[in-house]
PDB file of N, CA and C in Angstrom:
ATOM      1  N   UNK A   1       0.811  -1.198   0.000  1.00  0.00           N
ATOM      2  CA  UNK A   1       0.000   0.000   0.000  1.00  0.00           C
ATOM      3  C   UNK A   1       0.859   1.268   0.000  1.00  0.00           C
ATOM      4  N   UNK A   2       2.089   1.172   0.425  1.00  0.00           N
ATOM      5  CA  UNK A   2       2.932   2.361   0.480  1.00  0.00           C
ATOM      6  C   UNK A   2       3.262   2.900  -0.903  1.00  0.00           C
ATOM      7  N   UNK A   3       3.198   2.027  -1.889  1.00  0.00           N
ATOM      8  CA  UNK A   3       3.518   2.462  -3.251  1.00  0.00           C
ATOM      9  C   UNK A   3       2.292   3.032  -3.979  1.00  0.00           C
ATOM     10  N   UNK A   4       1.131   2.998  -3.345  1.00  0.00           N
ATOM     11  CA  UNK A   4      -0.099   3.493  -3.962  1.00  0.00           C
ATOM     12  C   UNK A   4      -0.187   5.004  -3.774  1.00  0.00           C
ATOM     13  N   UNK A   5      -0.527   5.710  -4.846  1.00  0.00           N
ATOM     14  CA  UNK A   5      -0.702   7.159  -4.780  1.00  0.00           C
ATOM     15  C   UNK A   5      -2.013   7.465  -4.044  1.00  0.00           C
ATOM     16  N   UNK A   6      -1.956   8.150  -2.906  1.00  0.00           N
ATOM     17  CA  UNK A   6      -3.176   8.411  -2.127  1.00  0.00           C
ATOM     18  C   UNK A   6      -4.039   9.538  -2.707  1.00  0.00           C
ATOM     19  N   UNK A   7      -3.541  10.292  -3.664  1.00  0.00           N
ATOM     20  CA  UNK A   7      -4.283  11.433  -4.216  1.00  0.00           C
ATOM     21  C   UNK A   7      -5.671  11.082  -4.739  1.00  0.00           C
ATOM     22  N   UNK A   8      -5.774  10.103  -5.661  1.00  0.00           N
ATOM     23  CA  UNK A   8      -7.101   9.751  -6.180  1.00  0.00           C
ATOM     24  C   UNK A   8      -8.046   9.230  -5.092  1.00  0.00           C
ATOM     25  N   UNK A   9      -7.502   8.525  -4.122  1.00  0.00           N
ATOM     26  CA  UNK A   9      -8.325   8.008  -3.029  1.00  0.00           C
ATOM     27  C   UNK A   9      -8.871   9.168  -2.205  1.00  0.00           C
ATOM     28  N   UNK A  10      -8.001  10.138  -1.899  1.00  0.00           N
ATOM     29  CA  UNK A  10      -8.447  11.311  -1.140  1.00  0.00           C
ATOM     30  C   UNK A  10      -9.518  12.092  -1.889  1.00  0.00           C
ATOM     31  N   UNK A  11      -9.337  12.244  -3.216  1.00  0.00           N
ATOM     32  CA  UNK A  11     -10.317  12.975  -4.023  1.00  0.00           C
ATOM     33  C   UNK A  11     -11.677  12.277  -3.990  1.00  0.00           C
ATOM     34  N   UNK A  12     -11.665  10.951  -4.117  1.00  0.00           N
ATOM     35  CA  UNK A  12     -12.924  10.197  -4.083  1.00  0.00           C
ATOM     36  C   UNK A  12     -13.602  10.339  -2.722  1.00  0.00           C
ATOM     37  N   UNK A  13     -12.802  10.299  -1.656  1.00  0.00           N
ATOM     38  CA  UNK A  13     -13.370  10.485  -0.319  1.00  0.00           C
ATOM     39  C   UNK A  13     -13.977  11.877  -0.158  1.00  0.00           C
ATOM     40  N   UNK A  14     -13.324  12.893  -0.734  1.00  0.00           N
ATOM     41  CA  UNK A  14     -13.875  14.247  -0.685  1.00  0.00           C
ATOM     42  C   UNK A  14     -15.203  14.316  -1.427  1.00  0.00           C
ATOM     43  N   UNK A  15     -15.275  13.644  -2.582  1.00  0.00           N
ATOM     44  CA  UNK A  15     -16.524  13.620  -3.347  1.00  0.00           C
ATOM     45  C   UNK A  15     -17.619  12.964  -2.517  1.00  0.00           C
ATOM     46  N   UNK A  16     -17.298  11.838  -1.900  1.00  0.00           N
ATOM     47  CA  UNK A  16     -18.286  11.148  -1.081  1.00  0.00           C
ATOM     48  C   UNK A  16     -18.719  12.003   0.107  1.00  0.00           C
ATOM     49  N   UNK A  17     -17.793  12.786   0.635  1.00  0.00           N
ATOM     50  CA  UNK A  17     -18.125  13.670   1.748  1.00  0.00           C
ATOM     51  C   UNK A  17     -18.801  14.948   1.278  1.00  0.00           C
ATOM     52  N   UNK A  18     -18.828  15.184  -0.025  1.00  0.00           N
ATOM     53  CA  UNK A  18     -19.482  16.355  -0.580  1.00  0.00           C
ATOM     54  C   UNK A  18     -18.666  17.625  -0.482  1.00  0.00           C
ATOM     55  N   UNK A  19     -17.346  17.522  -0.319  1.00  0.00           N
ATOM     56  CA  UNK A  19     -16.527  18.722  -0.181  1.00  0.00           C
ATOM     57  C   UNK A  19     -15.606  18.953  -1.379  1.00  0.00           C
ATOM     58  N   UNK A  20     -15.693  18.143  -2.384  1.00  0.00           N
ATOM     59  CA  UNK A  20     -14.862  18.316  -3.569  1.00  0.00           C
ATOM     60  C   UNK A  20     -15.324  19.554  -4.343  1.00  0.00           C
ATOM     61  N   UNK A  21     -14.396  20.399  -4.716  1.00  0.00           N
ATOM     62  CA  UNK A  21     -14.732  21.605  -5.476  1.00  0.00           C
ATOM     63  C   UNK A  21     -15.344  21.231  -6.817  1.00  0.00           C
ATOM     64  N   UNK A  22     -14.808  20.209  -7.452  1.00  0.00           N
ATOM     65  CA  UNK A  22     -15.340  19.775  -8.744  1.00  0.00           C
ATOM     66  C   UNK A  22     -16.771  19.260  -8.591  1.00  0.00           C
ATOM     67  N   UNK A  23     -16.998  18.481  -7.557  1.00  0.00           N
ATOM     68  CA  UNK A  23     -18.333  17.941  -7.303  1.00  0.00           C
ATOM     69  C   UNK A  23     -19.321  19.074  -7.024  1.00  0.00           C
ATOM     70  N   UNK A  24     -18.906  20.040  -6.222  1.00  0.00           N
ATOM     71  CA  UNK A  24     -19.757  21.179  -5.895  1.00  0.00           C
ATOM     72  C   UNK A  24     -20.083  21.976  -7.154  1.00  0.00           C
ATOM     73  N   UNK A  25     -19.094  22.185  -8.002  1.00  0.00           N
ATOM     74  CA  UNK A  25     -19.318  22.915  -9.253  1.00  0.00           C
ATOM     75  C   UNK A  25     -20.302  22.164 -10.147  1.00  0.00           C
ATOM     76  N   UNK A  26     -20.180  20.849 -10.203  1.00  0.00           N
ATOM     77  CA  UNK A  26     -21.110  20.036 -10.999  1.00  0.00           C
ATOM     78  C   UNK A  26     -22.524  20.158 -10.460  1.00  0.00           C
ATOM     79  N   UNK A  27     -22.666  20.098  -9.134  1.00  0.00           N
ATOM     80  CA  UNK A  27     -23.987  20.210  -8.515  1.00  0.00           C
ATOM     81  C   UNK A  27     -24.634  21.547  -8.876  1.00  0.00           C
ATOM     82  N   UNK A  28     -23.850  22.624  -8.821  1.00  0.00           N
ATOM     83  CA  UNK A  28     -24.370  23.951  -9.149  1.00  0.00           C
ATOM     84  C   UNK A  28     -24.759  24.035 -10.624  1.00  0.00           C
ATOM     85  N   UNK A  29     -23.964  23.425 -11.481  1.00  0.00           N
ATOM     86  CA  UNK A  29     -24.273  23.408 -12.913  1.00  0.00           C
ATOM     87  C   UNK A  29     -25.594  22.690 -13.164  1.00  0.00           C
ATOM     88  N   UNK A  30     -25.785  21.555 -12.515  1.00  0.00           N
ATOM     89  CA  UNK A  30     -27.024  20.786 -12.665  1.00  0.00           C
ATOM     90  C   UNK A  30     -28.213  21.599 -12.146  1.00  0.00           C
ATOM     91  N   UNK A  31     -28.034  22.253 -11.012  1.00  0.00           N
ATOM     92  CA  UNK A  31     -29.118  23.072 -10.456  1.00  0.00           C
ATOM     93  C   UNK A  31     -29.498  24.213 -11.397  1.00  0.00           C
ATOM     94  N   UNK A  32     -28.481  24.862 -12.000  1.00  0.00           N
ATOM     95  CA  UNK A  32     -28.768  25.951 -12.940  1.00  0.00           C
ATOM     96  C   UNK A  32     -29.526  25.434 -14.159  1.00  0.00           C
ATOM     97  N   UNK A  33     -29.120  24.280 -14.699  1.00  0.00           N
ATOM     98  CA  UNK A  33     -29.835  23.707 -15.837  1.00  0.00           C
ATOM     99  C   UNK A  33     -31.268  23.356 -15.452  1.00  0.00           C
ATOM    100  N   UNK A  34     -31.448  22.767 -14.272  1.00  0.00           N
ATOM    101  CA  UNK A  34     -32.799  22.399 -13.833  1.00  0.00           C
ATOM    102  C   UNK A  34     -33.684  23.642 -13.763  1.00  0.00           C
ATOM    103  N   UNK A  35     -33.170  24.711 -13.169  1.00  0.00           N
ATOM    104  CA  UNK A  35     -33.956  25.937 -13.054  1.00  0.00           C
ATOM    105  C   UNK A  35     -34.281  26.519 -14.431  1.00  0.00           C
ATOM    106  N   UNK A  36     -33.310  26.495 -15.334  1.00  0.00           N
ATOM    107  CA  UNK A  36     -33.533  27.008 -16.687  1.00  0.00           C
ATOM    108  C   UNK A  36     -34.595  26.197 -17.428  1.00  0.00           C
ATOM    109  N   UNK A  37     -34.542  24.866 -17.282  1.00  0.00           N
ATOM    110  CA  UNK A  37     -35.508  24.017 -17.974  1.00  0.00           C
ATOM    111  C   UNK A  37     -36.916  24.226 -17.430  1.00  0.00           C
ATOM    112  N   UNK A  38     -37.018  24.460 -16.146  1.00  0.00           N
ATOM    113  CA  UNK A  38     -38.337  24.691 -15.549  1.00  0.00           C
ATOM    114  C   UNK A  38     -38.891  26.051 -15.965  1.00  0.00           C
ATOM    115  N   UNK A  39     -38.025  27.044 -16.031  1.00  0.00           N
ATOM    116  CA  UNK A  39     -38.473  28.397 -16.376  1.00  0.00           C
ATOM    117  C   UNK A  39     -38.766  28.566 -17.868  1.00  0.00           C
ATOM    118  N   UNK A  40     -37.994  27.907 -18.719  1.00  0.00           N
ATOM    119  CA  UNK A  40     -38.117  28.135 -20.159  1.00  0.00           C
ATOM    120  C   UNK A  40     -37.973  26.810 -20.907  1.00  0.00           C
ATOM    121  N   UNK A  41     -39.040  26.393 -21.539  1.00  0.00           N
ATOM    122  CA  UNK A  41     -39.049  25.108 -22.248  1.00  0.00           C
ATOM    123  C   UNK A  41     -38.064  25.084 -23.416  1.00  0.00           C
ATOM    124  N   UNK A  42     -37.721  26.243 -23.974  1.00  0.00           N
ATOM    125  CA  UNK A  42     -36.777  26.270 -25.095  1.00  0.00           C
ATOM    126  C   UNK A  42     -35.349  25.966 -24.648  1.00  0.00           C
ATOM    127  N   UNK A  43     -35.085  25.969 -23.347  1.00  0.00           N
ATOM    128  CA  UNK A  43     -33.762  25.605 -22.837  1.00  0.00           C
ATOM    129  C   UNK A  43     -33.433  24.148 -23.139  1.00  0.00           C
ATOM    130  N   UNK A  44     -34.462  23.325 -23.279  1.00  0.00           N
ATOM    131  CA  UNK A  44     -34.247  21.922 -23.634  1.00  0.00           C
ATOM    132  C   UNK A  44     -33.570  21.848 -24.998  1.00  0.00           C
ATOM    133  N   UNK A  45     -34.026  22.681 -25.928  1.00  0.00           N
ATOM    134  CA  UNK A  45     -33.420  22.697 -27.261  1.00  0.00           C
ATOM    135  C   UNK A  45     -31.939  23.063 -27.181  1.00  0.00           C
ATOM    136  N   UNK A  46     -31.618  24.030 -26.345  1.00  0.00           N
ATOM    137  CA  UNK A  46     -30.222  24.441 -26.171  1.00  0.00           C
ATOM    138  C   UNK A  46     -29.376  23.293 -25.620  1.00  0.00           C
ATOM    139  N   UNK A  47     -29.919  22.595 -24.647  1.00  0.00           N
ATOM    140  CA  UNK A  47     -29.206  21.464 -24.055  1.00  0.00           C
ATOM    141  C   UNK A  47     -29.026  20.343 -25.077  1.00  0.00           C
ATOM    142  N   UNK A  48     -30.042  20.095 -25.881  1.00  0.00           N
ATOM    143  CA  UNK A  48     -29.968  19.044 -26.909  1.00  0.00           C
ATOM    144  C   UNK A  48     -28.957  19.411 -27.988  1.00  0.00           C
ATOM    145  N   UNK A  49     -28.895  20.690 -28.366  1.00  0.00           N
ATOM    146  CA  UNK A  49     -27.893  21.106 -29.360  1.00  0.00           C
ATOM    147  C   UNK A  49     -26.480  20.847 -28.845  1.00  0.00           C
ATOM    148  N   UNK A  50     -26.283  21.078 -27.567  1.00  0.00           N
ATOM    149  CA  UNK A  50     -24.964  20.859 -26.983  1.00  0.00           C
ATOM    150  C   UNK A  50     -24.663  19.372 -26.787  1.00  0.00           C
ATOM    151  N   UNK A  51     -25.711  18.582 -26.556  1.00  0.00           N
ATOM    152  CA  UNK A  51     -25.539  17.148 -26.264  1.00  0.00           C
ATOM    153  C   UNK A  51     -26.633  16.364 -26.993  1.00  0.00           C
ATOM    154  N   UNK A  52     -26.448  16.070 -28.274  1.00  0.00           N
ATOM    155  CA  UNK A  52     -27.508  15.477 -29.098  1.00  0.00           C
ATOM    156  C   UNK A  52     -27.985  14.092 -28.663  1.00  0.00           C
ATOM    157  N   UNK A  53     -27.235  13.399 -27.859  1.00  0.00           N
ATOM    158  CA  UNK A  53     -27.617  12.031 -27.495  1.00  0.00           C
ATOM    159  C   UNK A  53     -28.676  11.972 -26.397  1.00  0.00           C
ATOM    160  N   UNK A  54     -29.029  13.088 -25.793  1.00  0.00           N
ATOM    161  CA  UNK A  54     -29.972  13.053 -24.671  1.00  0.00           C
ATOM    162  C   UNK A  54     -31.414  12.968 -25.169  1.00  0.00           C
ATOM    163  N   UNK A  55     -32.294  12.527 -24.294  1.00  0.00           N
ATOM    164  CA  UNK A  55     -33.704  12.349 -24.616  1.00  0.00           C
ATOM    165  C   UNK A  55     -34.461  13.644 -24.313  1.00  0.00           C
ATOM    166  N   UNK A  56     -34.664  14.457 -25.336  1.00  0.00           N
ATOM    167  CA  UNK A  56     -35.299  15.767 -25.168  1.00  0.00           C
ATOM    168  C   UNK A  56     -36.748  15.641 -24.712  1.00  0.00           C
ATOM    169  N   UNK A  57     -37.444  14.670 -25.245  1.00  0.00           N
ATOM    170  CA  UNK A  57     -38.860  14.519 -24.886  1.00  0.00           C
ATOM    171  C   UNK A  57     -39.015  14.201 -23.400  1.00  0.00           C
ATOM    172  N   UNK A  58     -38.157  13.342 -22.892  1.00  0.00           N
ATOM    173  CA  UNK A  58     -38.203  12.986 -21.468  1.00  0.00           C
ATOM    174  C   UNK A  58     -37.898  14.210 -20.592  1.00  0.00           C
ATOM    175  N   UNK A  59     -36.879  14.985 -20.976  1.00  0.00           N
ATOM    176  CA  UNK A  59     -36.536  16.178 -20.204  1.00  0.00           C
ATOM    177  C   UNK A  59     -37.669  17.203 -20.237  1.00  0.00           C
ATOM    178  N   UNK A  60     -38.294  17.375 -21.398  1.00  0.00           N
ATOM    179  CA  UNK A  60     -39.428  18.310 -21.493  1.00  0.00           C
ATOM    180  C   UNK A  60     -40.574  17.881 -20.581  1.00  0.00           C
ATOM    181  N   UNK A  61     -40.847  16.576 -20.593  1.00  0.00           N
ATOM    182  CA  UNK A  61     -41.932  16.057 -19.757  1.00  0.00           C
ATOM    183  C   UNK A  61     -41.626  16.272 -18.277  1.00  0.00           C
ATOM    184  N   UNK A  62     -40.389  16.008 -17.874  1.00  0.00           N
ATOM    185  CA  UNK A  62     -40.014  16.212 -16.474  1.00  0.00           C
ATOM    186  C   UNK A  62     -40.099  17.690 -16.086  1.00  0.00           C
ATOM    187  N   UNK A  63     -39.641  18.561 -16.973  1.00  0.00           N
ATOM    188  CA  UNK A  63     -39.701  19.999 -16.685  1.00  0.00           C
ATOM    189  C   UNK A  63     -41.153  20.453 -16.567  1.00  0.00           C
ATOM    190  N   UNK A  64     -42.013  19.964 -17.442  1.00  0.00           N
ATOM    191  CA  UNK A  64     -43.431  20.319 -17.393  1.00  0.00           C
ATOM    192  C   UNK A  64     -44.068  19.834 -16.086  1.00  0.00           C
ATOM    193  N   UNK A  65     -43.748  18.582 -15.702  1.00  0.00           N
ATOM    194  CA  UNK A  65     -44.286  18.046 -14.450  1.00  0.00           C
ATOM    195  C   UNK A  65     -43.775  18.850 -13.255  1.00  0.00           C
ATOM    196  N   UNK A  66     -42.497  19.226 -13.291  1.00  0.00           N
ATOM    197  CA  UNK A  66     -41.932  20.007 -12.190  1.00  0.00           C
ATOM    198  C   UNK A  66     -42.617  21.368 -12.081  1.00  0.00           C
ATOM    199  N   UNK A  67     -42.907  21.989 -13.229  1.00  0.00           N
ATOM    200  CA  UNK A  67     -43.649  23.265 -13.244  1.00  0.00           C
ATOM    201  C   UNK A  67     -45.022  23.092 -12.616  1.00  0.00           C
ATOM    202  N   UNK A  68     -45.704  22.011 -13.020  1.00  0.00           N
ATOM    203  CA  UNK A  68     -47.048  21.743 -12.486  1.00  0.00           C
ATOM    204  C   UNK A  68     -47.000  21.471 -10.988  1.00  0.00           C
ATOM    205  N   UNK A  69     -45.985  20.720 -10.547  1.00  0.00           N
ATOM    206  CA  UNK A  69     -45.839  20.446  -9.113  1.00  0.00           C
ATOM    207  C   UNK A  69     -45.656  21.740  -8.333  1.00  0.00           C
ATOM    208  N   UNK A  70     -44.798  22.604  -8.853  1.00  0.00           N
ATOM    209  CA  UNK A  70     -44.533  23.867  -8.174  1.00  0.00           C
ATOM    210  C   UNK A  70     -45.814  24.706  -8.084  1.00  0.00           C
ATOM    211  N   UNK A  71     -46.563  24.751  -9.170  1.00  0.00           N
ATOM    212  CA  UNK A  71     -47.787  25.560  -9.212  1.00  0.00           C
ATOM    213  C   UNK A  71     -48.857  25.020  -8.268  1.00  0.00           C
ATOM    214  N   UNK A  72     -48.932  23.699  -8.148  1.00  0.00           N
ATOM    215  CA  UNK A  72     -49.980  23.098  -7.310  1.00  0.00           C
ATOM    216  C   UNK A  72     -49.532  22.850  -5.876  1.00  0.00           C
ATOM    217  N   UNK A  73     -48.250  23.017  -5.606  1.00  0.00           N
ATOM    218  CA  UNK A  73     -47.755  22.760  -4.253  1.00  0.00           C
ATOM    219  C   UNK A  73     -47.592  21.283  -3.936  1.00  0.00           C
ATOM    220  N   UNK A  74     -47.551  20.465  -4.969  1.00  0.00           N
ATOM    221  CA  UNK A  74     -47.394  19.016  -4.803  1.00  0.00           C
ATOM    222  C   UNK A  74     -45.949  18.689  -4.413  1.00  0.00           C
ATOM    223  N   UNK A  75     -45.733  17.491  -3.868  1.00  0.00           N
ATOM    224  CA  UNK A  75     -44.352  17.086  -3.545  1.00  0.00           C
ATOM    225  C   UNK A  75     -43.477  17.114  -4.798  1.00  0.00           C
ATOM    226  N   UNK A  76     -42.220  17.510  -4.667  1.00  0.00           N
ATOM    227  CA  UNK A  76     -41.349  17.736  -5.834  1.00  0.00           C
ATOM    228  C   UNK A  76     -40.721  16.471  -6.417  1.00  0.00           C
ATOM    229  N   UNK A  77     -41.523  15.514  -6.809  1.00  0.00           N
ATOM    230  CA  UNK A  77     -40.982  14.271  -7.371  1.00  0.00           C
ATOM    231  C   UNK A  77     -40.308  14.502  -8.721  1.00  0.00           C
ATOM    232  N   UNK A  78     -41.010  15.142  -9.640  1.00  0.00           N
ATOM    233  CA  UNK A  78     -40.439  15.385 -10.973  1.00  0.00           C
ATOM    234  C   UNK A  78     -39.264  16.359 -10.884  1.00  0.00           C
ATOM    235  N   UNK A  79     -39.334  17.292  -9.949  1.00  0.00           N
ATOM    236  CA  UNK A  79     -38.239  18.242  -9.720  1.00  0.00           C
ATOM    237  C   UNK A  79     -36.956  17.486  -9.392  1.00  0.00           C
ATOM    238  N   UNK A  80     -37.070  16.511  -8.503  1.00  0.00           N
ATOM    239  CA  UNK A  80     -35.912  15.687  -8.122  1.00  0.00           C
ATOM    240  C   UNK A  80     -35.491  14.763  -9.263  1.00  0.00           C
ATOM    241  N   UNK A  81     -36.470  14.200  -9.952  1.00  0.00           N
ATOM    242  CA  UNK A  81     -36.146  13.301 -11.061  1.00  0.00           C
ATOM    243  C   UNK A  81     -35.435  14.061 -12.187  1.00  0.00           C
ATOM    244  N   UNK A  82     -35.850  15.299 -12.436  1.00  0.00           N
ATOM    245  CA  UNK A  82     -35.189  16.138 -13.423  1.00  0.00           C
ATOM    246  C   UNK A  82     -33.744  16.397 -13.013  1.00  0.00           C
ATOM    247  N   UNK A  83     -33.530  16.650 -11.732  1.00  0.00           N
ATOM    248  CA  UNK A  83     -32.172  16.854 -11.232  1.00  0.00           C
ATOM    249  C   UNK A  83     -31.320  15.615 -11.464  1.00  0.00           C
ATOM    250  N   UNK A  84     -31.859  14.442 -11.151  1.00  0.00           N
ATOM    251  CA  UNK A  84     -31.103  13.196 -11.346  1.00  0.00           C
ATOM    252  C   UNK A  84     -30.767  12.967 -12.816  1.00  0.00           C
ATOM    253  N   UNK A  85     -31.720  13.230 -13.695  1.00  0.00           N
ATOM    254  CA  UNK A  85     -31.479  13.046 -15.134  1.00  0.00           C
ATOM    255  C   UNK A  85     -30.387  13.999 -15.617  1.00  0.00           C
ATOM    256  N   UNK A  86     -30.441  15.238 -15.176  1.00  0.00           N
ATOM    257  CA  UNK A  86     -29.416  16.213 -15.573  1.00  0.00           C
ATOM    258  C   UNK A  86     -28.059  15.864 -14.977  1.00  0.00           C
ATOM    259  N   UNK A  87     -28.060  15.349 -13.756  1.00  0.00           N
ATOM    260  CA  UNK A  87     -26.802  14.950 -13.126  1.00  0.00           C
ATOM    261  C   UNK A  87     -26.149  13.821 -13.917  1.00  0.00           C
ATOM    262  N   UNK A  88     -26.952  12.891 -14.403  1.00  0.00           N
ATOM    263  CA  UNK A  88     -26.406  11.803 -15.225  1.00  0.00           C
ATOM    264  C   UNK A  88     -25.816  12.342 -16.519  1.00  0.00           C
ATOM    265  N   UNK A  89     -26.463  13.336 -17.112  1.00  0.00           N
ATOM    266  CA  UNK A  89     -25.949  13.941 -18.343  1.00  0.00           C
ATOM    267  C   UNK A  89     -24.615  14.615 -18.072  1.00  0.00           C
ATOM    268  N   UNK A  90     -24.563  15.424 -17.022  1.00  0.00           N
ATOM    269  CA  UNK A  90     -23.337  16.143 -16.680  1.00  0.00           C
ATOM    270  C   UNK A  90     -22.238  15.167 -16.276  1.00  0.00           C
ATOM    271  N   UNK A  91     -22.576  14.142 -15.512  1.00  0.00           N
ATOM    272  CA  UNK A  91     -21.576  13.143 -15.100  1.00  0.00           C
ATOM    273  C   UNK A  91     -21.072  12.364 -16.309  1.00  0.00           C
ATOM    274  N   UNK A  92     -21.947  12.070 -17.250  1.00  0.00           N
ATOM    275  CA  UNK A  92     -21.530  11.366 -18.472  1.00  0.00           C
ATOM    276  C   UNK A  92     -20.606  12.196 -19.311  1.00  0.00           C
ATOM    277  N   UNK A  93     -20.855  13.492 -19.359  1.00  0.00           N
ATOM    278  CA  UNK A  93     -19.967  14.399 -20.100  1.00  0.00           C
ATOM    279  C   UNK A  93     -18.604  14.431 -19.456  1.00  0.00           C
ATOM    280  N   UNK A  94     -18.582  14.534 -18.131  1.00  0.00           N
ATOM    281  CA  UNK A  94     -17.302  14.584 -17.406  1.00  0.00           C
ATOM    282  C   UNK A  94     -16.543  13.271 -17.580  1.00  0.00           C
ATOM    283  N   UNK A  95     -17.259  12.144 -17.536  1.00  0.00           N
ATOM    284  CA  UNK A  95     -16.603  10.842 -17.698  1.00  0.00           C
ATOM    285  C   UNK A  95     -15.974  10.717 -19.080  1.00  0.00           C
ATOM    286  N   UNK A  96     -16.685  11.197 -20.114  1.00  0.00           N
ATOM    287  CA  UNK A  96     -16.121  11.156 -21.464  1.00  0.00           C
ATOM    288  C   UNK A  96     -14.916  12.082 -21.582  1.00  0.00           C
ATOM    289  N   UNK A  97     -14.993  13.259 -20.957  1.00  0.00           N
ATOM    290  CA  UNK A  97     -13.852  14.183 -20.981  1.00  0.00           C
ATOM    291  C   UNK A  97     -12.655  13.613 -20.258  1.00  0.00           C
ATOM    292  N   UNK A  98     -12.899  12.931 -19.128  1.00  0.00           N
ATOM    293  CA  UNK A  98     -11.800  12.330 -18.370  1.00  0.00           C
ATOM    294  C   UNK A  98     -11.150  11.191 -19.140  1.00  0.00           C
ATOM    295  N   UNK A  99     -11.956  10.454 -19.933  1.00  0.00           N
ATOM    296  CA  UNK A  99     -11.433   9.319 -20.699  1.00  0.00           C
ATOM    297  C   UNK A  99     -10.621   9.780 -21.907  1.00  0.00           C
ATOM    298  N   UNK A 100     -10.927  10.965 -22.395  1.00  0.00           N
ATOM    299  CA  UNK A 100     -10.240  11.450 -23.604  1.00  0.00           C
ATOM    300  C   UNK A 100      -8.834  11.919 -23.349  1.00  0.00           C
TER     301      UNK A 100
END
């Protein structure tokens, strides 16, 4: 174990603890996209242009449901699901960038 570089292990532990700067930046990016999609349906088109492989119809449906939940005061299920979907998109982009 002495020959193992502890840097990557420490970074992963920071991510798990939620204190990684990169992780925090990703979370904020996802939150900004979620808010944009809820406020303006045309933001989905912008996201799709940047990342053509994503499911635009699913994101539109989630954003619409999240808008309806907010308006009716219902529990934020679609709001959270939209966040998870966007997080997967952002994490997939980062994983591809890291692999390149």
